[in-house]
Amino acid sequence: MKSKLVTKEWLAAKIAANPSHTIGRALVAIFNQQTLEEKDCNITKFHNGVGFAKPDARIGAIAAKTFLKNGKLEPWQLNIWLRPNAQGLPRIVKYAEQLNGIANRKLVKQ
């Protein structure tokens, strides 16, 4: 049974406490789900519910690579992912379910 480790509200609270670090780690976790070709080209080729959605592929991959290289996001990258959705939550929370799956898989491996 899957635990609810990551919810939209939990993620939004973590972002409020430490935006760059939380969003950066989330982007890297999502980026790591992409195929090698998708990572190399900053695209989404397969519509499988894993990795970035097509509209987010380029900015998500570039931001994840920036975070991996520098340990932080550029202000413009952070602003993109902090932009509120219709519920007033940061844009990145649309990946909460995927991040929850990643967190659950990590728990099983431990």
PDB file of N, CA and C in Angstrom:
ATOM      1  N   MET A   1       0.838  -1.188   0.000  1.00  0.00           N
ATOM      2  CA  MET A   1       0.000   0.000   0.000  1.00  0.00           C
ATOM      3  C   MET A   1       0.879   1.247   0.000  1.00  0.00           C
ATOM      4  N   LYS A   2       0.546   2.181  -0.860  1.00  0.00           N
ATOM      5  CA  LYS A   2       1.308   3.416  -0.968  1.00  0.00           C
ATOM      6  C   LYS A   2       0.959   4.363   0.163  1.00  0.00           C
ATOM      7  N   SER A   3       1.980   4.916   0.791  1.00  0.00           N
ATOM      8  CA  SER A   3       1.777   5.941   1.806  1.00  0.00           C
ATOM      9  C   SER A   3       1.697   7.298   1.133  1.00  0.00           C
ATOM     10  N   LYS A   4       0.971   8.204   1.750  1.00  0.00           N
ATOM     11  CA  LYS A   4       0.926   9.577   1.253  1.00  0.00           C
ATOM     12  C   LYS A   4       2.014  10.366   1.961  1.00  0.00           C
ATOM     13  N   LEU A   5       3.215  10.318   1.400  1.00  0.00           N
ATOM     14  CA  LEU A   5       4.342  11.047   1.963  1.00  0.00           C
ATOM     15  C   LEU A   5       4.379  12.470   1.426  1.00  0.00           C
ATOM     16  N   VAL A   6       4.086  12.600   0.148  1.00  0.00           N
ATOM     17  CA  VAL A   6       4.143  13.897  -0.521  1.00  0.00           C
ATOM     18  C   VAL A   6       2.748  14.247  -1.038  1.00  0.00           C
ATOM     19  N   THR A   7       2.200  15.311  -0.505  1.00  0.00           N
ATOM     20  CA  THR A   7       0.931  15.845  -0.997  1.00  0.00           C
ATOM     21  C   THR A   7       1.195  17.245  -1.533  1.00  0.00           C
ATOM     22  N   LYS A   8       0.232  17.795  -2.238  1.00  0.00           N
ATOM     23  CA  LYS A   8       0.387  19.162  -2.744  1.00  0.00           C
ATOM     24  C   LYS A   8       0.587  20.141  -1.590  1.00  0.00           C
ATOM     25  N   GLU A   9      -0.172  19.963  -0.523  1.00  0.00           N
ATOM     26  CA  GLU A   9      -0.093  20.880   0.623  1.00  0.00           C
ATOM     27  C   GLU A   9       1.245  20.728   1.355  1.00  0.00           C
ATOM     28  N   TRP A  10       1.707  19.491   1.525  1.00  0.00           N
ATOM     29  CA  TRP A  10       2.984  19.245   2.189  1.00  0.00           C
ATOM     30  C   TRP A  10       4.110  19.876   1.373  1.00  0.00           C
ATOM     31  N   LEU A  11       4.064  19.657   0.058  1.00  0.00           N
ATOM     32  CA  LEU A  11       5.098  20.209  -0.816  1.00  0.00           C
ATOM     33  C   LEU A  11       5.085  21.732  -0.783  1.00  0.00           C
ATOM     34  N   ALA A  12       3.903  22.334  -0.810  1.00  0.00           N
ATOM     35  CA  ALA A  12       3.801  23.800  -0.745  1.00  0.00           C
ATOM     36  C   ALA A  12       4.380  24.336   0.556  1.00  0.00           C
ATOM     37  N   ALA A  13       4.159  23.635   1.658  1.00  0.00           N
ATOM     38  CA  ALA A  13       4.714  24.060   2.956  1.00  0.00           C
ATOM     39  C   ALA A  13       6.236  23.959   2.956  1.00  0.00           C
ATOM     40  N   LYS A  14       6.786  22.884   2.382  1.00  0.00           N
ATOM     41  CA  LYS A  14       8.242  22.732   2.291  1.00  0.00           C
ATOM     42  C   LYS A  14       8.847  23.825   1.412  1.00  0.00           C
ATOM     43  N   ILE A  15       8.150  24.169   0.343  1.00  0.00           N
ATOM     44  CA  ILE A  15       8.623  25.223  -0.558  1.00  0.00           C
ATOM     45  C   ILE A  15       8.632  26.559   0.160  1.00  0.00           C
ATOM     46  N   ALA A  16       7.612  26.827   0.959  1.00  0.00           N
ATOM     47  CA  ALA A  16       7.552  28.089   1.704  1.00  0.00           C
ATOM     48  C   ALA A  16       8.735  28.213   2.654  1.00  0.00           C
ATOM     49  N   ALA A  17       9.179  27.103   3.221  1.00  0.00           N
ATOM     50  CA  ALA A  17      10.294  27.123   4.168  1.00  0.00           C
ATOM     51  C   ALA A  17      11.649  27.265   3.484  1.00  0.00           C
ATOM     52  N   ASN A  18      11.821  26.642   2.316  1.00  0.00           N
ATOM     53  CA  ASN A  18      13.109  26.672   1.626  1.00  0.00           C
ATOM     54  C   ASN A  18      12.874  26.469   0.129  1.00  0.00           C
ATOM     55  N   PRO A  19      12.459  27.533  -0.564  1.00  0.00           N
ATOM     56  CA  PRO A  19      12.017  27.397  -1.959  1.00  0.00           C
ATOM     57  C   PRO A  19      13.043  26.799  -2.918  1.00  0.00           C
ATOM     58  N   SER A  20      14.230  27.359  -2.999  1.00  0.00           N
ATOM     59  CA  SER A  20      15.200  26.919  -3.999  1.00  0.00           C
ATOM     60  C   SER A  20      15.605  25.470  -3.777  1.00  0.00           C
ATOM     61  N   HIS A  21      15.892  25.109  -2.549  1.00  0.00           N
ATOM     62  CA  HIS A  21      16.340  23.753  -2.251  1.00  0.00           C
ATOM     63  C   HIS A  21      15.232  22.730  -2.514  1.00  0.00           C
ATOM     64  N   THR A  22      14.028  23.021  -2.045  1.00  0.00           N
ATOM     65  CA  THR A  22      12.919  22.082  -2.208  1.00  0.00           C
ATOM     66  C   THR A  22      12.546  21.913  -3.677  1.00  0.00           C
ATOM     67  N   ILE A  23      12.412  23.006  -4.391  1.00  0.00           N
ATOM     68  CA  ILE A  23      12.057  22.919  -5.812  1.00  0.00           C
ATOM     69  C   ILE A  23      13.195  22.268  -6.591  1.00  0.00           C
ATOM     70  N   GLY A  24      14.418  22.624  -6.286  1.00  0.00           N
ATOM     71  CA  GLY A  24      15.566  22.024  -6.963  1.00  0.00           C
ATOM     72  C   GLY A  24      15.603  20.519  -6.792  1.00  0.00           C
ATOM     73  N   ARG A  25      15.423  20.043  -5.575  1.00  0.00           N
ATOM     74  CA  ARG A  25      15.425  18.591  -5.327  1.00  0.00           C
ATOM     75  C   ARG A  25      14.251  17.904  -6.025  1.00  0.00           C
ATOM     76  N   ALA A  26      13.105  18.560  -6.020  1.00  0.00           N
ATOM     77  CA  ALA A  26      11.931  17.993  -6.697  1.00  0.00           C
ATOM     78  C   ALA A  26      12.185  17.886  -8.203  1.00  0.00           C
ATOM     79  N   LEU A  27      12.750  18.940  -8.785  1.00  0.00           N
ATOM     80  CA  LEU A  27      13.033  18.921 -10.224  1.00  0.00           C
ATOM     81  C   LEU A  27      14.037  17.832 -10.578  1.00  0.00           C
ATOM     82  N   VAL A  28      15.057  17.650  -9.749  1.00  0.00           N
ATOM     83  CA  VAL A  28      16.056  16.603 -10.002  1.00  0.00           C
ATOM     84  C   VAL A  28      15.406  15.223  -9.911  1.00  0.00           C
ATOM     85  N   ALA A  29      14.540  15.023  -8.933  1.00  0.00           N
ATOM     86  CA  ALA A  29      13.857  13.730  -8.795  1.00  0.00           C
ATOM     87  C   ALA A  29      13.003  13.434 -10.027  1.00  0.00           C
ATOM     88  N   ILE A  30      12.307  14.434 -10.521  1.00  0.00           N
ATOM     89  CA  ILE A  30      11.476  14.263 -11.725  1.00  0.00           C
ATOM     90  C   ILE A  30      12.368  14.046 -12.945  1.00  0.00           C
ATOM     91  N   PHE A  31      13.416  14.852 -13.055  1.00  0.00           N
ATOM     92  CA  PHE A  31      14.381  14.751 -14.158  1.00  0.00           C
ATOM     93  C   PHE A  31      14.979  13.345 -14.229  1.00  0.00           C
ATOM     94  N   ASN A  32      15.270  12.766 -13.076  1.00  0.00           N
ATOM     95  CA  ASN A  32      15.863  11.423 -13.040  1.00  0.00           C
ATOM     96  C   ASN A  32      14.914  10.349 -13.570  1.00  0.00           C
ATOM     97  N   GLN A  33      13.636  10.662 -13.685  1.00  0.00           N
ATOM     98  CA  GLN A  33      12.664   9.712 -14.234  1.00  0.00           C
ATOM     99  C   GLN A  33      12.625   9.756 -15.761  1.00  0.00           C
ATOM    100  N   GLN A  34      13.217  10.788 -16.347  1.00  0.00           N
ATOM    101  CA  GLN A  34      13.240  10.931 -17.805  1.00  0.00           C
ATOM    102  C   GLN A  34      14.171   9.872 -18.415  1.00  0.00           C
ATOM    103  N   THR A  35      13.953   9.552 -19.683  1.00  0.00           N
ATOM    104  CA  THR A  35      14.874   8.657 -20.383  1.00  0.00           C
ATOM    105  C   THR A  35      16.159   9.426 -20.689  1.00  0.00           C
ATOM    106  N   LEU A  36      17.206   8.706 -21.072  1.00  0.00           N
ATOM    107  CA  LEU A  36      18.476   9.361 -21.409  1.00  0.00           C
ATOM    108  C   LEU A  36      18.300  10.347 -22.561  1.00  0.00           C
ATOM    109  N   GLU A  37      17.548   9.957 -23.569  1.00  0.00           N
ATOM    110  CA  GLU A  37      17.318  10.845 -24.712  1.00  0.00           C
ATOM    111  C   GLU A  37      16.580  12.106 -24.274  1.00  0.00           C
ATOM    112  N   GLU A  38      15.567  11.936 -23.433  1.00  0.00           N
ATOM    113  CA  GLU A  38      14.812  13.093 -22.943  1.00  0.00           C
ATOM    114  C   GLU A  38      15.721  14.021 -22.130  1.00  0.00           C
ATOM    115  N   LYS A  39      16.572  13.444 -21.305  1.00  0.00           N
ATOM    116  CA  LYS A  39      17.506  14.247 -20.504  1.00  0.00           C
ATOM    117  C   LYS A  39      18.470  15.020 -21.400  1.00  0.00           C
ATOM    118  N   ASP A  40      19.035  14.331 -22.379  1.00  0.00           N
ATOM    119  CA  ASP A  40      20.018  14.956 -23.268  1.00  0.00           C
ATOM    120  C   ASP A  40      19.422  16.089 -24.085  1.00  0.00           C
ATOM    121  N   CYS A  41      18.178  15.914 -24.532  1.00  0.00           N
ATOM    122  CA  CYS A  41      17.550  16.879 -25.437  1.00  0.00           C
ATOM    123  C   CYS A  41      16.606  17.855 -24.741  1.00  0.00           C
ATOM    124  N   ASN A  42      16.431  17.716 -23.430  1.00  0.00           N
ATOM    125  CA  ASN A  42      15.513  18.585 -22.664  1.00  0.00           C
ATOM    126  C   ASN A  42      14.090  18.532 -23.226  1.00  0.00           C
ATOM    127  N   ILE A  43      13.626  17.316 -23.489  1.00  0.00           N
ATOM    128  CA  ILE A  43      12.292  17.118 -24.055  1.00  0.00           C
ATOM    129  C   ILE A  43      11.556  16.029 -23.290  1.00  0.00           C
ATOM    130  N   THR A  44      10.302  15.852 -23.613  1.00  0.00           N
ATOM    131  CA  THR A  44       9.540  14.680 -23.196  1.00  0.00           C
ATOM    132  C   THR A  44       9.084  14.005 -24.474  1.00  0.00           C
ATOM    133  N   LYS A  45       9.513  12.778 -24.647  1.00  0.00           N
ATOM    134  CA  LYS A  45       9.194  12.032 -25.861  1.00  0.00           C
ATOM    135  C   LYS A  45       8.067  11.033 -25.618  1.00  0.00           C
ATOM    136  N   PHE A  46       8.043  10.461 -24.423  1.00  0.00           N
ATOM    137  CA  PHE A  46       7.067   9.429 -24.098  1.00  0.00           C
ATOM    138  C   PHE A  46       6.015   9.991 -23.155  1.00  0.00           C
ATOM    139  N   HIS A  47       4.770   9.741 -23.434  1.00  0.00           N
ATOM    140  CA  HIS A  47       3.660  10.219 -22.618  1.00  0.00           C
ATOM    141  C   HIS A  47       3.231   9.079 -21.698  1.00  0.00           C
ATOM    142  N   ASN A  48       4.045   8.869 -20.654  1.00  0.00           N
ATOM    143  CA  ASN A  48       3.844   7.734 -19.765  1.00  0.00           C
ATOM    144  C   ASN A  48       3.574   8.140 -18.315  1.00  0.00           C
ATOM    145  N   GLY A  49       3.390   9.428 -18.070  1.00  0.00           N
ATOM    146  CA  GLY A  49       3.130   9.881 -16.705  1.00  0.00           C
ATOM    147  C   GLY A  49       4.361   9.881 -15.825  1.00  0.00           C
ATOM    148  N   VAL A  50       5.528   9.722 -16.447  1.00  0.00           N
ATOM    149  CA  VAL A  50       6.788   9.692 -15.706  1.00  0.00           C
ATOM    150  C   VAL A  50       7.681  10.805 -16.247  1.00  0.00           C
ATOM    151  N   GLY A  51       8.290  11.551 -15.350  1.00  0.00           N
ATOM    152  CA  GLY A  51       9.128  12.666 -15.769  1.00  0.00           C
ATOM    153  C   GLY A  51       8.284  13.912 -15.990  1.00  0.00           C
ATOM    154  N   PHE A  52       8.809  14.846 -16.741  1.00  0.00           N
ATOM    155  CA  PHE A  52       8.133  16.121 -16.963  1.00  0.00           C
ATOM    156  C   PHE A  52       7.018  16.001 -17.996  1.00  0.00           C
ATOM    157  N   ALA A  53       5.968  16.781 -17.792  1.00  0.00           N
ATOM    158  CA  ALA A  53       4.934  16.932 -18.812  1.00  0.00           C
ATOM    159  C   ALA A  53       5.555  17.711 -19.966  1.00  0.00           C
ATOM    160  N   LYS A  54       5.023  17.517 -21.150  1.00  0.00           N
ATOM    161  CA  LYS A  54       5.602  18.138 -22.343  1.00  0.00           C
ATOM    162  C   LYS A  54       5.828  19.651 -22.202  1.00  0.00           C
ATOM    163  N   PRO A  55       4.865  20.434 -21.687  1.00  0.00           N
ATOM    164  CA  PRO A  55       5.104  21.884 -21.594  1.00  0.00           C
ATOM    165  C   PRO A  55       6.218  22.267 -20.604  1.00  0.00           C
ATOM    166  N   ASP A  56       6.538  21.361 -19.680  1.00  0.00           N
ATOM    167  CA  ASP A  56       7.543  21.652 -18.652  1.00  0.00           C
ATOM    168  C   ASP A  56       8.904  21.037 -18.939  1.00  0.00           C
ATOM    169  N   ALA A  57       9.002  20.222 -19.973  1.00  0.00           N
ATOM    170  CA  ALA A  57      10.210  19.435 -20.200  1.00  0.00           C
ATOM    171  C   ALA A  57      11.469  20.292 -20.326  1.00  0.00           C
ATOM    172  N   ARG A  58      11.429  21.299 -21.168  1.00  0.00           N
ATOM    173  CA  ARG A  58      12.634  22.110 -21.392  1.00  0.00           C
ATOM    174  C   ARG A  58      13.030  22.895 -20.148  1.00  0.00           C
ATOM    175  N   ILE A  59      12.091  23.633 -19.579  1.00  0.00           N
ATOM    176  CA  ILE A  59      12.446  24.450 -18.405  1.00  0.00           C
ATOM    177  C   ILE A  59      12.758  23.570 -17.192  1.00  0.00           C
ATOM    178  N   GLY A  60      12.072  22.439 -17.088  1.00  0.00           N
ATOM    179  CA  GLY A  60      12.321  21.532 -15.968  1.00  0.00           C
ATOM    180  C   GLY A  60      13.695  20.897 -16.055  1.00  0.00           C
ATOM    181  N   ALA A  61      14.057  20.430 -17.251  1.00  0.00           N
ATOM    182  CA  ALA A  61      15.362  19.796 -17.432  1.00  0.00           C
ATOM    183  C   ALA A  61      16.495  20.795 -17.231  1.00  0.00           C
ATOM    184  N   ILE A  62      16.348  21.975 -17.782  1.00  0.00           N
ATOM    185  CA  ILE A  62      17.395  22.995 -17.633  1.00  0.00           C
ATOM    186  C   ILE A  62      17.550  23.385 -16.162  1.00  0.00           C
ATOM    187  N   ALA A  63      16.445  23.564 -15.465  1.00  0.00           N
ATOM    188  CA  ALA A  63      16.510  23.922 -14.043  1.00  0.00           C
ATOM    189  C   ALA A  63      17.121  22.791 -13.218  1.00  0.00           C
ATOM    190  N   ALA A  64      16.751  21.549 -13.515  1.00  0.00           N
ATOM    191  CA  ALA A  64      17.326  20.409 -12.790  1.00  0.00           C
ATOM    192  C   ALA A  64      18.837  20.342 -13.007  1.00  0.00           C
ATOM    193  N   LYS A  65      19.275  20.554 -14.238  1.00  0.00           N
ATOM    194  CA  LYS A  65      20.713  20.545 -14.536  1.00  0.00           C
ATOM    195  C   LYS A  65      21.424  21.688 -13.821  1.00  0.00           C
ATOM    196  N   THR A  66      20.783  22.839 -13.752  1.00  0.00           N
ATOM    197  CA  THR A  66      21.359  23.977 -13.025  1.00  0.00           C
ATOM    198  C   THR A  66      21.518  23.625 -11.547  1.00  0.00           C
ATOM    199  N   PHE A  67      20.476  23.037 -10.960  1.00  0.00           N
ATOM    200  CA  PHE A  67      20.532  22.665  -9.541  1.00  0.00           C
ATOM    201  C   PHE A  67      21.609  21.609  -9.301  1.00  0.00           C
ATOM    202  N   LEU A  68      21.719  20.635 -10.172  1.00  0.00           N
ATOM    203  CA  LEU A  68      22.757  19.609 -10.015  1.00  0.00           C
ATOM    204  C   LEU A  68      24.157  20.213 -10.090  1.00  0.00           C
ATOM    205  N   LYS A  69      24.337  21.186 -10.949  1.00  0.00           N
ATOM    206  CA  LYS A  69      25.652  21.809 -11.138  1.00  0.00           C
ATOM    207  C   LYS A  69      25.991  22.806 -10.029  1.00  0.00           C
ATOM    208  N   ASN A  70      25.008  23.628  -9.630  1.00  0.00           N
ATOM    209  CA  ASN A  70      25.286  24.746  -8.724  1.00  0.00           C
ATOM    210  C   ASN A  70      24.707  24.598  -7.324  1.00  0.00           C
ATOM    211  N   GLY A  71      23.834  23.635  -7.123  1.00  0.00           N
ATOM    212  CA  GLY A  71      23.200  23.462  -5.815  1.00  0.00           C
ATOM    213  C   GLY A  71      22.132  24.493  -5.518  1.00  0.00           C
ATOM    214  N   LYS A  72      21.759  25.264  -6.536  1.00  0.00           N
ATOM    215  CA  LYS A  72      20.693  26.254  -6.385  1.00  0.00           C
ATOM    216  C   LYS A  72      20.128  26.566  -7.762  1.00  0.00           C
ATOM    217  N   LEU A  73      18.956  27.183  -7.758  1.00  0.00           N
ATOM    218  CA  LEU A  73      18.310  27.594  -9.003  1.00  0.00           C
ATOM    219  C   LEU A  73      18.556  29.072  -9.243  1.00  0.00           C
ATOM    220  N   GLU A  74      18.542  29.453 -10.491  1.00  0.00           N
ATOM    221  CA  GLU A  74      18.608  30.868 -10.844  1.00  0.00           C
ATOM    222  C   GLU A  74      17.272  31.507 -10.458  1.00  0.00           C
ATOM    223  N   PRO A  75      17.253  32.796 -10.125  1.00  0.00           N
ATOM    224  CA  PRO A  75      15.988  33.442  -9.739  1.00  0.00           C
ATOM    225  C   PRO A  75      14.873  33.275 -10.765  1.00  0.00           C
ATOM    226  N   TRP A  76      15.183  33.384 -12.053  1.00  0.00           N
ATOM    227  CA  TRP A  76      14.142  33.243 -13.073  1.00  0.00           C
ATOM    228  C   TRP A  76      13.570  31.828 -13.085  1.00  0.00           C
ATOM    229  N   GLN A  77      14.425  30.823 -12.821  1.00  0.00           N
ATOM    230  CA  GLN A  77      13.945  29.442 -12.776  1.00  0.00           C
ATOM    231  C   GLN A  77      13.031  29.237 -11.566  1.00  0.00           C
ATOM    232  N   LEU A  78      13.451  29.755 -10.451  1.00  0.00           N
ATOM    233  CA  LEU A  78      12.658  29.648  -9.227  1.00  0.00           C
ATOM    234  C   LEU A  78      11.296  30.311  -9.419  1.00  0.00           C
ATOM    235  N   ASN A  79      11.290  31.481 -10.045  1.00  0.00           N
ATOM    236  CA  ASN A  79      10.033  32.206 -10.268  1.00  0.00           C
ATOM    237  C   ASN A  79       9.049  31.417 -11.126  1.00  0.00           C
ATOM    238  N   ILE A  80       9.543  30.695 -12.112  1.00  0.00           N
ATOM    239  CA  ILE A  80       8.666  29.886 -12.969  1.00  0.00           C
ATOM    240  C   ILE A  80       7.934  28.838 -12.132  1.00  0.00           C
ATOM    241  N   TRP A  81       8.659  28.147 -11.267  1.00  0.00           N
ATOM    242  CA  TRP A  81       8.075  27.049 -10.491  1.00  0.00           C
ATOM    243  C   TRP A  81       7.295  27.531  -9.277  1.00  0.00           C
ATOM    244  N   LEU A  82       7.545  28.769  -8.850  1.00  0.00           N
ATOM    245  CA  LEU A  82       6.783  29.344  -7.735  1.00  0.00           C
ATOM    246  C   LEU A  82       5.470  29.971  -8.189  1.00  0.00           C
ATOM    247  N   ARG A  83       5.342  30.223  -9.478  1.00  0.00           N
ATOM    248  CA  ARG A  83       4.127  30.843 -10.019  1.00  0.00           C
ATOM    249  C   ARG A  83       2.914  30.029  -9.581  1.00  0.00           C
ATOM    250  N   PRO A  84       1.918  30.684  -8.979  1.00  0.00           N
ATOM    251  CA  PRO A  84       0.775  29.925  -8.447  1.00  0.00           C
ATOM    252  C   PRO A  84      -0.149  29.360  -9.524  1.00  0.00           C
ATOM    253  N   ASN A  85      -0.703  28.190  -9.207  1.00  0.00           N
ATOM    254  CA  ASN A  85      -1.701  27.582 -10.086  1.00  0.00           C
ATOM    255  C   ASN A  85      -3.085  28.111  -9.706  1.00  0.00           C
ATOM    256  N   ALA A  86      -4.126  27.523 -10.238  1.00  0.00           N
ATOM    257  CA  ALA A  86      -5.500  27.991  -9.977  1.00  0.00           C
ATOM    258  C   ALA A  86      -5.875  27.905  -8.492  1.00  0.00           C
ATOM    259  N   GLN A  87      -5.269  26.967  -7.766  1.00  0.00           N
ATOM    260  CA  GLN A  87      -5.536  26.830  -6.329  1.00  0.00           C
ATOM    261  C   GLN A  87      -4.631  27.715  -5.476  1.00  0.00           C
ATOM    262  N   GLY A  88      -3.751  28.472  -6.127  1.00  0.00           N
ATOM    263  CA  GLY A  88      -2.843  29.352  -5.406  1.00  0.00           C
ATOM    264  C   GLY A  88      -1.593  28.654  -4.898  1.00  0.00           C
ATOM    265  N   LEU A  89      -1.381  27.414  -5.328  1.00  0.00           N
ATOM    266  CA  LEU A  89      -0.195  26.660  -4.920  1.00  0.00           C
ATOM    267  C   LEU A  89       0.881  26.785  -5.996  1.00  0.00           C
ATOM    268  N   PRO A  90       2.166  26.651  -5.617  1.00  0.00           N
ATOM    269  CA  PRO A  90       3.235  26.751  -6.619  1.00  0.00           C
ATOM    270  C   PRO A  90       3.059  25.734  -7.755  1.00  0.00           C
ATOM    271  N   ARG A  91       3.464  26.127  -8.932  1.00  0.00           N
ATOM    272  CA  ARG A  91       3.315  25.308 -10.147  1.00  0.00           C
ATOM    273  C   ARG A  91       3.879  23.889  -9.981  1.00  0.00           C
ATOM    274  N   ILE A  92       4.963  23.748  -9.264  1.00  0.00           N
ATOM    275  CA  ILE A  92       5.634  22.453  -9.122  1.00  0.00           C
ATOM    276  C   ILE A  92       4.756  21.409  -8.431  1.00  0.00           C
ATOM    277  N   VAL A  93       3.739  21.845  -7.679  1.00  0.00           N
ATOM    278  CA  VAL A  93       2.927  20.865  -6.936  1.00  0.00           C
ATOM    279  C   VAL A  93       2.144  19.935  -7.850  1.00  0.00           C
ATOM    280  N   LYS A  94       2.053  20.261  -9.131  1.00  0.00           N
ATOM    281  CA  LYS A  94       1.364  19.345 -10.045  1.00  0.00           C
ATOM    282  C   LYS A  94       2.093  18.010 -10.139  1.00  0.00           C
ATOM    283  N   TYR A  95       3.331  17.961  -9.681  1.00  0.00           N
ATOM    284  CA  TYR A  95       4.126  16.734  -9.695  1.00  0.00           C
ATOM    285  C   TYR A  95       4.124  16.023  -8.341  1.00  0.00           C
ATOM    286  N   ALA A  96       3.261  16.444  -7.421  1.00  0.00           N
ATOM    287  CA  ALA A  96       3.246  15.857  -6.070  1.00  0.00           C
ATOM    288  C   ALA A  96       3.005  14.350  -6.104  1.00  0.00           C
ATOM    289  N   GLU A  97       2.091  13.897  -6.929  1.00  0.00           N
ATOM    290  CA  GLU A  97       1.794  12.453  -6.987  1.00  0.00           C
ATOM    291  C   GLU A  97       3.010  11.661  -7.475  1.00  0.00           C
ATOM    292  N   GLN A  98       3.677  12.181  -8.487  1.00  0.00           N
ATOM    293  CA  GLN A  98       4.881  11.523  -8.990  1.00  0.00           C
ATOM    294  C   GLN A  98       5.984  11.524  -7.931  1.00  0.00           C
ATOM    295  N   LEU A  99       6.146  12.653  -7.238  1.00  0.00           N
ATOM    296  CA  LEU A  99       7.144  12.746  -6.176  1.00  0.00           C
ATOM    297  C   LEU A  99       6.807  11.803  -5.031  1.00  0.00           C
ATOM    298  N   ASN A 100       5.519  11.625  -4.754  1.00  0.00           N
ATOM    299  CA  ASN A 100       5.095  10.681  -3.726  1.00  0.00           C
ATOM    300  C   ASN A 100       5.503   9.256  -4.115  1.00  0.00           C
ATOM    301  N   GLY A 101       5.318   8.913  -5.376  1.00  0.00           N
ATOM    302  CA  GLY A 101       5.734   7.595  -5.853  1.00  0.00           C
ATOM    303  C   GLY A 101       7.234   7.387  -5.714  1.00  0.00           C
ATOM    304  N   ILE A 102       8.007   8.416  -6.019  1.00  0.00           N
ATOM    305  CA  ILE A 102       9.463   8.347  -5.892  1.00  0.00           C
ATOM    306  C   ILE A 102       9.837   8.149  -4.423  1.00  0.00           C
ATOM    307  N   ALA A 103       9.204   8.906  -3.538  1.00  0.00           N
ATOM    308  CA  ALA A 103       9.486   8.789  -2.095  1.00  0.00           C
ATOM    309  C   ALA A 103       9.124   7.402  -1.585  1.00  0.00           C
ATOM    310  N   ASN A 104       8.011   6.857  -2.019  1.00  0.00           N
ATOM    311  CA  ASN A 104       7.609   5.510  -1.593  1.00  0.00           C
ATOM    312  C   ASN A 104       8.585   4.450  -2.085  1.00  0.00           C
ATOM    313  N   ARG A 105       9.070   4.580  -3.305  1.00  0.00           N
ATOM    314  CA  ARG A 105      10.041   3.620  -3.821  1.00  0.00           C
ATOM    315  C   ARG A 105      11.344   3.684  -3.024  1.00  0.00           C
ATOM    316  N   LYS A 106      11.741   4.891  -2.617  1.00  0.00           N
ATOM    317  CA  LYS A 106      12.953   5.023  -1.803  1.00  0.00           C
ATOM    318  C   LYS A 106      12.779   4.342  -0.452  1.00  0.00           C
ATOM    319  N   LEU A 107      11.594   4.446   0.130  1.00  0.00           N
ATOM    320  CA  LEU A 107      11.318   3.791   1.416  1.00  0.00           C
ATOM    321  C   LEU A 107      11.410   2.274   1.300  1.00  0.00           C
ATOM    322  N   VAL A 108      10.915   1.733   0.216  1.00  0.00           N
ATOM    323  CA  VAL A 108      10.929   0.288   0.010  1.00  0.00           C
ATOM    324  C   VAL A 108      12.361  -0.213  -0.117  1.00  0.00           C
ATOM    325  N   LYS A 109      13.223   0.584  -0.752  1.00  0.00           N
ATOM    326  CA  LYS A 109      14.633   0.177  -0.953  1.00  0.00           C
ATOM    327  C   LYS A 109      15.414   0.175   0.341  1.00  0.00           C
ATOM    328  N   GLN A 110      14.993   0.951   1.316  1.00  0.00           N
ATOM    329  CA  GLN A 110      15.745   1.070   2.573  1.00  0.00           C
ATOM    330  C   GLN A 110      15.615  -0.152   3.431  1.00  0.00           C
TER     331      GLN A 110
END
